[in-house]
C-alpha atoms as a PDB file:
ATOM      1  CA  MET A   1      10.554  -0.821  41.124  1.00  0.00           C
ATOM      2  CA  GLY A   2       9.000   2.068  39.092  1.00  0.00           C
ATOM      3  CA  PHE A   3       5.964   0.150  38.751  1.00  0.00           C
ATOM      4  CA  TYR A   4       5.435   0.097  42.443  1.00  0.00           C
ATOM      5  CA  THR A   5       6.006   3.642  43.171  1.00  0.00           C
ATOM      6  CA  GLU A   6       3.716   4.621  40.294  1.00  0.00           C
ATOM      7  CA  LEU A   7       0.832   2.093  41.836  1.00  0.00           C
ATOM      8  CA  PHE A   8       1.067   3.650  45.273  1.00  0.00           C
ATOM      9  CA  VAL A   9       1.480   7.332  44.273  1.00  0.00           C
ATOM     10  CA  ARG A  10      -1.305   7.473  41.543  1.00  0.00           C
ATOM     11  CA  PRO A  11      -4.801   9.283  42.927  1.00  0.00           C
ATOM     12  CA  ARG A  12      -7.536   7.098  43.390  1.00  0.00           C
ATOM     13  CA  PRO A  13     -10.687   7.188  41.709  1.00  0.00           C
ATOM     14  CA  LYS A  14     -13.405   9.239  42.953  1.00  0.00           C
ATOM     15  CA  GLU A  15     -15.427   6.133  42.896  1.00  0.00           C
ATOM     16  CA  GLN A  16     -13.463   4.457  45.351  1.00  0.00           C
ATOM     17  CA  VAL A  17     -13.490   7.213  47.752  1.00  0.00           C
ATOM     18  CA  ARG A  18     -17.150   7.476  47.291  1.00  0.00           C
ATOM     19  CA  TYR A  19     -17.424   3.779  47.600  1.00  0.00           C
ATOM     20  CA  ARG A  20     -15.740   3.721  51.004  1.00  0.00           C
ATOM     21  CA  ALA A  21     -17.759   6.989  52.056  1.00  0.00           C
ATOM     22  CA  ALA A  22     -21.109   4.954  51.341  1.00  0.00           C
ATOM     23  CA  LEU A  23     -19.802   1.669  53.049  1.00  0.00           C
ATOM     24  CA  ALA A  24     -18.957   3.564  56.143  1.00  0.00           C
ATOM     25  CA  LEU A  25     -22.452   5.188  56.138  1.00  0.00           C
ATOM     26  CA  LEU A  26     -23.880   1.898  55.727  1.00  0.00           C
ATOM     27  CA  ASN A  27     -21.990   0.372  59.020  1.00  0.00           C
ATOM     28  CA  ALA A  28     -23.004   3.217  60.663  1.00  0.00           C
ATOM     29  CA  MET A  29     -26.675   2.459  60.590  1.00  0.00           C
ATOM     30  CA  ASN A  30     -28.137   0.808  63.179  1.00  0.00           C
ATOM     31  CA  SER A  31     -30.079  -2.511  63.380  1.00  0.00           C
ATOM     32  CA  ALA A  32     -33.375  -0.855  63.727  1.00  0.00           C
ATOM     33  CA  ASP A  33     -32.607   1.440  61.017  1.00  0.00           C
ATOM     34  CA  ARG A  34     -31.495  -1.558  58.900  1.00  0.00           C
ATOM     35  CA  ALA A  35     -34.640  -3.365  59.397  1.00  0.00           C
ATOM     36  CA  ASP A  36     -37.063  -0.305  58.326  1.00  0.00           C
ATOM     37  CA  ILE A  37     -35.237  -0.310  54.933  1.00  0.00           C
ATOM     38  CA  GLY A  38     -34.685  -4.263  55.026  1.00  0.00           C
ATOM     39  CA  ILE A  39     -31.209  -4.627  54.260  1.00  0.00           C
ATOM     40  CA  LYS A  40     -28.669  -7.016  55.780  1.00  0.00           C
ATOM     41  CA  PRO A  41     -25.085  -6.627  56.075  1.00  0.00           C
ATOM     42  CA  ALA A  42     -24.181  -8.912  53.414  1.00  0.00           C
ATOM     43  CA  ASP A  43     -26.093  -6.397  50.996  1.00  0.00           C
ATOM     44  CA  PHE A  44     -23.620  -3.781  52.081  1.00  0.00           C
ATOM     45  CA  PRO A  45     -21.028  -3.972  49.395  1.00  0.00           C
ATOM     46  CA  ARG A  46     -23.561  -4.267  46.619  1.00  0.00           C
ATOM     47  CA  ILE A  47     -25.549  -1.155  47.986  1.00  0.00           C
ATOM     48  CA  ALA A  48     -22.266   0.623  48.683  1.00  0.00           C
ATOM     49  CA  ARG A  49     -21.142   0.221  44.648  1.00  0.00           C
ATOM     50  CA  GLU A  50     -24.389   1.392  43.588  1.00  0.00           C
ATOM     51  CA  MET A  51     -24.392   4.630  45.702  1.00  0.00           C
ATOM     52  CA  SER A  52     -20.703   5.419  44.551  1.00  0.00           C
ATOM     53  CA  THR A  53     -21.748   5.192  40.853  1.00  0.00           C
ATOM     54  CA  ARG A  54     -24.543   7.662  41.135  1.00  0.00           C
ATOM     55  CA  GLN A  55     -23.736  11.008  39.906  1.00  0.00           C
ATOM     56  CA  ALA A  56     -24.585  13.988  42.380  1.00  0.00           C
END
């Protein structure tokens, strides 16, 4: 039972927070913006992973 408590109490890695923010940003784009830069919704997870690993 202690394992489950530790699993849910542990802070999230910063990369996961940045991944979610990047994915939300990509999802917020309209289709015209996506067409301008040439990405498709299927590319979102890969692009969000790349965005989250970059250092600011």
